[in-house]
C-alpha cells in the first residue's frame, strides 16, 4: 500500500511539471496561476469570453431599446414615436394644412344683433343711428303698468314683462311706481333736447342726452316717478322710500340705475335716481356680484352699437 501511494504521488508530480512546461511553451504570456486554474476549473473559450463581457458590463446602465429588444423591435418602436406627417394622407399624397381660425366680421355679432343686445353700450361716445328702432316694442298699458298721462308708452317685450313684475312687487310693499317715460325714438329725443336747450342753453347737455346717445332709444330704459314728488322727474325722487326700494330690488328684475350719484365723471351725466335701464336678470346679477356700476359693466362686456 505504501509503495502504491508513493507511486501515485510521483505520477501527480510528473503530471504537474508536464502541464506547467506545456503552458510555458504554448502561451508564454500567461501566468502560471492562470494555467493552474485552467486545469482545475476548465472553461471553453466562449464561456470565458462571456464571463469577461458580463463582468465588464456590470456597471453599464441597461437601455431598454438595446438590451430588451431585437434590432427590428427597436426600429419599430422608434418609428411609432415619430409623429406622422400631418401634410400627407395614408396613401402619401399631400394635403393642405388647416389654417388657424381667425375672428372675422361673420364670426362676431351682426350689426343688428349688437344693437339689440341687452349689454350694448350707448353713451356720449357710442351713439345709435337715427334709423334704429327695436322690433319687439309693446305697449306698457297692455301689461297693466301705470304710466303718466294718457299717451302710449312702450318698451321691448322682455323688459316690459319684467317691469310689470317689478311694479307689482313694489306695490305689494306699499311703494307706488309710475312710468313717466319709456321708449323714445331718435326724432323724439331730438325734439326733447331742443326744448331743454332753449331753456337751459349749454347746461341741457348735462341733464339730457343728444339724439342718438339716449338709452331710451334702445327701448329698455324707463323713468320712474310717484305722488310723493308730484309726479315730477327730478332729483327729490332719489330721497323717497320708493327710490330706496328700487335700489334694493330693481336688479332682481334686471333693471339697473344708469346714472348713480358720485359717478358723474364715469357716466358723463348728473345723478338721475329715476332713470333705470333693463339689461336682463342674469346680466344684472353678474353686475351686482362684481360691484360695478352700469357704465363700467357695459364697457367691460364690449358690445358696441354698430347697426
Protein backbone atom coordinates (compact mmCIF):
# COMPACT_ATOMS: atom_id res chain seq x y z
CA UNK A 1 0.00 0.00 0.00
CA UNK A 2 2.79 2.40 0.93
CA UNK A 3 4.56 1.72 -2.38
CA UNK A 4 1.28 2.33 -4.18
CA UNK A 5 0.84 5.79 -2.57
CA UNK A 6 4.39 6.78 -3.33
CA UNK A 7 3.90 5.79 -6.96
CA UNK A 8 0.69 7.90 -7.13
CA UNK A 9 2.50 10.94 -5.72
CA UNK A 10 5.29 10.57 -8.22
CA UNK A 11 2.78 10.38 -11.10
CA UNK A 12 0.94 13.53 -9.85
CA UNK A 13 4.19 15.46 -9.57
CA UNK A 14 5.28 14.44 -13.07
CA UNK A 15 1.80 15.47 -14.41
CA UNK A 16 2.05 18.88 -12.74
CA UNK A 17 5.52 19.51 -14.16
CA UNK A 18 4.38 18.39 -17.61
CA UNK A 19 1.37 20.79 -17.63
CA UNK A 20 3.50 23.61 -16.33
CA UNK A 21 6.07 23.12 -19.02
CA UNK A 22 3.44 22.81 -21.72
CA UNK A 23 1.74 26.02 -20.66
CA UNK A 24 5.02 27.93 -20.78
CA UNK A 25 5.72 26.64 -24.28
CA UNK A 26 2.23 27.25 -25.70
CA UNK A 27 1.38 30.58 -24.00
CA UNK A 28 4.47 32.31 -22.68
CA UNK A 29 2.40 35.46 -21.82
CA UNK A 30 0.04 33.69 -19.39
CA UNK A 31 0.95 33.41 -15.75
CA UNK A 32 1.49 30.12 -14.00
CA UNK A 33 -1.59 30.77 -11.83
CA UNK A 34 -3.85 31.08 -14.86
CA UNK A 35 -2.58 27.78 -16.22
CA UNK A 36 -3.28 26.01 -12.97
CA UNK A 37 -6.80 27.48 -12.77
CA UNK A 38 -7.50 26.32 -16.30
CA UNK A 39 -6.63 22.82 -15.19
CA UNK A 40 -8.76 22.88 -12.03
CA UNK A 41 -11.80 24.81 -13.46
CA UNK A 42 -11.82 24.09 -17.15
CA UNK A 43 -13.87 26.50 -19.37
CA UNK A 44 -14.38 26.77 -23.05
CA UNK A 45 -13.11 29.91 -24.77
CA UNK A 46 -16.68 31.13 -25.45
CA UNK A 47 -17.62 30.74 -21.79
CA UNK A 48 -14.56 32.70 -20.68
CA UNK A 49 -15.36 35.50 -23.10
CA UNK A 50 -18.96 35.61 -21.92
CA UNK A 51 -17.81 35.87 -18.30
CA UNK A 52 -15.41 38.68 -19.13
CA UNK A 53 -18.20 40.53 -21.03
CA UNK A 54 -20.61 40.11 -18.12
CA UNK A 55 -18.06 41.43 -15.64
CA UNK A 56 -17.16 44.39 -17.83
CA UNK A 57 -20.76 45.42 -18.40
CA UNK A 58 -21.87 45.07 -14.78
CA UNK A 59 -21.63 48.82 -14.15
CA UNK A 60 -23.09 49.96 -17.50
CA UNK A 61 -26.76 51.17 -17.35
CA UNK A 62 -29.01 48.98 -19.45
CA UNK A 63 -31.10 50.84 -22.09
CA UNK A 64 -34.36 49.01 -22.86
CA UNK A 65 -34.04 49.54 -26.62
CA UNK A 66 -30.55 47.99 -26.59
CA UNK A 67 -30.92 45.10 -24.20
CA UNK A 68 -34.55 44.07 -24.14
CA UNK A 69 -35.46 44.26 -27.81
CA UNK A 70 -34.23 42.90 -31.07
CA UNK A 71 -32.96 45.49 -33.59
CA UNK A 72 -36.22 45.16 -35.54
CA UNK A 73 -38.32 45.79 -32.41
CA UNK A 74 -36.21 48.84 -31.55
CA UNK A 75 -36.65 50.33 -35.02
CA UNK A 76 -40.40 49.73 -34.86
CA UNK A 77 -40.61 51.49 -31.50
CA UNK A 78 -38.66 54.47 -32.79
CA UNK A 79 -40.95 54.74 -35.82
CA UNK A 80 -44.03 54.78 -33.57
CA UNK A 81 -42.54 57.64 -31.54
CA UNK A 82 -42.01 59.84 -34.62
CA UNK A 83 -45.20 61.92 -35.28
CA UNK A 84 -46.86 61.21 -38.57
CA UNK A 85 -46.52 63.82 -41.29
CA UNK A 86 -49.65 65.94 -40.94
CA UNK A 87 -49.40 67.06 -44.56
CA UNK A 88 -49.73 63.56 -46.01
CA UNK A 89 -52.63 61.14 -46.21
CA UNK A 90 -52.19 57.41 -45.65
CA UNK A 91 -51.51 56.99 -49.38
CA UNK A 92 -48.66 59.51 -49.23
CA UNK A 93 -50.45 62.31 -51.09
CA UNK A 94 -50.06 65.90 -49.91
CA UNK A 95 -52.94 67.54 -48.02
CA UNK A 96 -53.44 71.21 -47.28
CA UNK A 97 -52.65 72.43 -43.78
CA UNK A 98 -55.60 73.68 -41.74
CA UNK A 99 -55.44 77.41 -41.28
CA UNK A 100 -55.91 78.67 -37.69
CA UNK A 101 -59.37 80.09 -37.08
CA UNK A 102 -59.41 83.87 -37.10
CA UNK A 103 -62.11 86.24 -35.91
CA UNK A 104 -63.91 87.90 -38.78
CA UNK A 105 -66.99 90.04 -39.03
CA UNK A 106 -69.04 86.92 -39.78
CA UNK A 107 -67.89 85.24 -36.55
CA UNK A 108 -68.82 88.26 -34.44
CA UNK A 109 -72.27 89.64 -33.75
CA UNK A 110 -74.01 91.09 -36.76
CA UNK A 111 -74.83 94.80 -36.65
CA UNK A 112 -78.49 94.22 -35.88
CA UNK A 113 -77.64 91.81 -33.07
CA UNK A 114 -75.20 94.25 -31.45
CA UNK A 115 -77.83 96.99 -31.09
CA UNK A 116 -80.46 94.54 -29.84
CA UNK A 117 -78.08 93.03 -27.28
CA UNK A 118 -79.14 93.95 -23.75
CA UNK A 119 -75.49 94.77 -22.97
CA UNK A 120 -74.92 97.25 -25.81
CA UNK A 121 -73.03 100.35 -24.69
CA UNK A 122 -74.78 103.62 -25.55
CA UNK A 123 -73.27 106.77 -24.09
CA UNK A 124 -71.70 110.08 -25.14
CA UNK A 125 -69.09 108.27 -27.25
CA UNK A 126 -71.18 105.40 -28.65
CA UNK A 127 -74.36 106.54 -30.42
CA UNK A 128 -77.18 104.70 -32.11
CA UNK A 129 -78.02 105.56 -35.74
CA UNK A 130 -81.11 107.73 -36.39
CA UNK A 131 -82.99 104.87 -38.04
CA UNK A 132 -82.56 102.30 -35.26
CA UNK A 133 -85.74 101.13 -33.51
CA UNK A 134 -86.36 97.81 -31.68
CA UNK A 135 -88.72 95.46 -33.47
CA UNK A 136 -90.35 93.95 -30.36
CA UNK A 137 -91.83 97.06 -28.71
CA UNK A 138 -95.06 96.51 -26.78
CA UNK A 139 -97.39 98.96 -25.06
CA UNK A 140 -96.97 99.17 -21.28
CA UNK A 141 -100.71 99.75 -20.87
CA UNK A 142 -101.38 96.28 -22.30
CA UNK A 143 -99.36 94.84 -19.38
CA UNK A 144 -101.30 96.91 -16.79
CA UNK A 145 -98.23 99.04 -15.99
CA UNK A 146 -99.13 102.51 -14.66
CA UNK A 147 -97.93 105.34 -16.89
CA UNK A 148 -98.02 109.10 -16.52
CA UNK A 149 -100.64 110.76 -18.70
CA UNK A 150 -102.71 109.27 -21.45
CA UNK A 151 -100.03 108.92 -24.12
CA UNK A 152 -99.00 105.43 -25.13
CA UNK A 153 -95.60 104.26 -23.85
CA UNK A 154 -93.69 101.17 -24.90
CA UNK A 155 -90.65 99.04 -24.10
CA UNK A 156 -89.19 95.89 -25.58
CA UNK A 157 -91.26 92.84 -24.76
CA UNK A 158 -88.83 91.15 -22.34
CA UNK A 159 -88.24 94.39 -20.44
CA UNK A 160 -91.97 95.04 -20.22
CA UNK A 161 -92.68 91.65 -18.69
CA UNK A 162 -90.02 92.19 -16.02
CA UNK A 163 -91.19 95.76 -15.42
CA UNK A 164 -94.70 94.51 -14.66
CA UNK A 165 -93.28 92.16 -12.02
CA UNK A 166 -91.14 94.95 -10.53
CA UNK A 167 -94.01 97.44 -10.24
CA UNK A 168 -96.32 94.77 -8.76
CA UNK A 169 -93.71 93.75 -6.16
CA UNK A 170 -93.17 97.39 -5.18
CA UNK A 171 -96.93 97.91 -4.82
CA UNK A 172 -97.14 94.84 -2.58
CA UNK A 173 -94.56 96.53 -0.34
CA UNK A 174 -96.56 99.78 -0.32
CA UNK A 175 -94.47 101.67 -2.88
CA UNK A 176 -96.01 103.48 -5.84
CA UNK A 177 -94.02 103.45 -9.09
CA UNK A 178 -95.37 105.24 -12.16
CA UNK A 179 -93.60 105.30 -15.52
CA UNK A 180 -93.01 108.86 -16.71
CA UNK A 181 -91.01 107.98 -19.84
CA UNK A 182 -90.04 104.82 -21.74
CA UNK A 183 -89.03 104.29 -25.38
CA UNK A 184 -88.13 107.44 -27.33
CA UNK A 185 -87.19 107.43 -30.99
CA UNK A 186 -84.28 109.44 -32.37
CA UNK A 187 -86.76 112.11 -33.53
CA UNK A 188 -88.45 112.23 -30.11
CA UNK A 189 -85.07 112.73 -28.40
CA UNK A 190 -84.14 115.41 -30.90
CA UNK A 191 -87.32 117.37 -30.08
CA UNK A 192 -86.88 116.95 -26.30
CA UNK A 193 -83.27 118.05 -26.33
CA UNK A 194 -84.15 121.07 -28.46
CA UNK A 195 -86.74 122.22 -25.90
CA UNK A 196 -84.33 121.78 -22.96
CA UNK A 197 -81.58 123.61 -24.79
CA UNK A 198 -83.88 126.53 -25.45
CA UNK A 199 -84.43 126.84 -21.70
CA UNK A 200 -81.08 125.80 -20.18
CA UNK A 201 -78.71 126.52 -23.01
CA UNK A 202 -75.45 124.54 -22.87
CA UNK A 203 -76.42 123.16 -19.43
CA UNK A 204 -79.00 120.96 -21.17
CA UNK A 205 -76.18 118.66 -22.25
CA UNK A 206 -75.51 117.74 -18.61
CA UNK A 207 -79.06 116.58 -17.93
CA UNK A 208 -80.18 115.18 -21.28
CA UNK A 209 -78.57 113.09 -23.99
CA UNK A 210 -78.04 114.24 -27.53
CA UNK A 211 -80.15 112.48 -30.19
CA UNK A 212 -78.73 109.01 -30.80
CA UNK A 213 -76.96 108.95 -27.42
CA UNK A 214 -80.03 108.26 -25.30
CA UNK A 215 -80.64 104.83 -23.72
CA UNK A 216 -84.36 105.45 -24.22
CA UNK A 217 -83.90 104.76 -27.95
CA UNK A 218 -82.96 101.18 -27.03
CA UNK A 219 -86.45 100.52 -25.69
CA UNK A 220 -85.03 99.24 -22.40
CA UNK A 221 -84.79 102.45 -20.31
CA UNK A 222 -87.51 103.80 -18.06
CA UNK A 223 -88.01 106.88 -15.86
CA UNK A 224 -89.97 106.48 -12.60
CA UNK A 225 -91.96 108.96 -10.53
CA UNK A 226 -94.76 108.93 -7.94
CA UNK A 227 -97.13 111.09 -5.93
CA UNK A 228 -94.52 111.92 -3.28
CA UNK A 229 -92.67 114.11 -5.82
CA UNK A 230 -95.85 115.36 -7.50
CA UNK A 231 -95.22 113.02 -10.45
CA UNK A 232 -92.21 115.06 -11.49
CA UNK A 233 -88.99 113.61 -12.91
CA UNK A 234 -86.39 115.25 -10.75
CA UNK A 235 -83.79 114.75 -8.02
CA UNK A 236 -86.14 114.70 -4.97
CA UNK A 237 -87.34 111.28 -6.16
CA UNK A 238 -83.98 109.92 -5.01
CA UNK A 239 -84.88 110.61 -1.38
CA UNK A 240 -88.17 108.72 -1.39
CA UNK A 241 -88.77 105.25 0.04
CA UNK A 242 -89.70 104.14 -3.48
CA UNK A 243 -86.19 105.03 -4.67
CA UNK A 244 -84.74 103.08 -1.75
CA UNK A 245 -86.89 100.11 -2.68
CA UNK A 246 -85.63 100.27 -6.27
CA UNK A 247 -82.03 100.43 -5.06
CA UNK A 248 -82.55 97.17 -3.15
CA UNK A 249 -84.76 95.20 -5.55
CA UNK A 250 -84.64 96.55 -9.13
CA UNK A 251 -81.69 94.28 -10.09
CA UNK A 252 -83.80 91.23 -9.19
CA UNK A 253 -85.93 92.09 -12.23
CA UNK A 254 -82.99 93.01 -14.48
CA UNK A 255 -83.13 96.81 -14.00
CA UNK A 256 -80.05 98.84 -13.01
CA UNK A 257 -79.71 102.51 -12.04
CA UNK A 258 -78.00 104.07 -15.06
CA UNK A 259 -76.52 107.25 -13.59
CA UNK A 260 -75.72 106.85 -9.87
CA UNK A 261 -74.59 109.63 -7.56
CA UNK A 262 -70.84 110.17 -7.30
CA UNK A 263 -70.09 108.74 -10.75
CA UNK A 264 -70.72 111.77 -12.93
CA UNK A 265 -67.16 111.61 -14.27
CA UNK A 266 -67.72 107.97 -15.33
CA UNK A 267 -71.17 108.26 -16.86
CA UNK A 268 -70.99 111.81 -18.24
CA UNK A 269 -74.32 112.69 -16.63
CA UNK A 270 -75.52 114.06 -13.30
CA UNK A 271 -77.27 111.82 -10.80
CA UNK A 272 -80.62 110.58 -12.16
CA UNK A 273 -82.28 108.49 -9.43
CA UNK A 274 -85.35 107.98 -11.60
CA UNK A 275 -83.57 106.50 -14.67
CA UNK A 276 -83.24 102.70 -14.82
CA UNK A 277 -82.15 100.51 -17.69
CA UNK A 278 -83.08 96.88 -18.27
CA UNK A 279 -80.10 94.57 -19.02
CA UNK A 280 -81.62 91.18 -18.17
CA UNK A 281 -81.72 89.33 -14.86
CA UNK A 282 -78.53 87.32 -15.43
CA UNK A 283 -76.51 90.37 -16.50
CA UNK A 284 -77.87 92.38 -13.58
CA UNK A 285 -76.87 89.59 -11.20
CA UNK A 286 -73.31 89.50 -12.55
CA UNK A 287 -73.07 93.29 -12.35
CA UNK A 288 -74.09 93.32 -8.68
CA UNK A 289 -71.76 90.44 -7.82
CA UNK A 290 -68.84 92.32 -9.39
CA UNK A 291 -69.73 95.54 -7.56
CA UNK A 292 -69.84 97.54 -10.82
CA UNK A 293 -71.92 100.47 -11.97
CA UNK A 294 -73.82 100.09 -15.24
CA UNK A 295 -71.35 102.11 -17.32
CA UNK A 296 -68.41 100.04 -16.08
CA UNK A 297 -70.20 96.74 -16.66
CA UNK A 298 -71.30 97.58 -20.21
CA UNK A 299 -67.81 98.80 -21.12
CA UNK A 300 -66.32 95.53 -19.83
CA UNK A 301 -68.78 93.48 -21.91
CA UNK A 302 -67.58 95.24 -25.06
CA UNK A 303 -70.83 95.19 -27.05
CA UNK A 304 -70.83 98.33 -29.20
CA UNK A 305 -73.68 99.71 -31.34
CA UNK A 306 -72.80 99.03 -34.97
CA UNK A 307 -76.25 98.79 -36.55
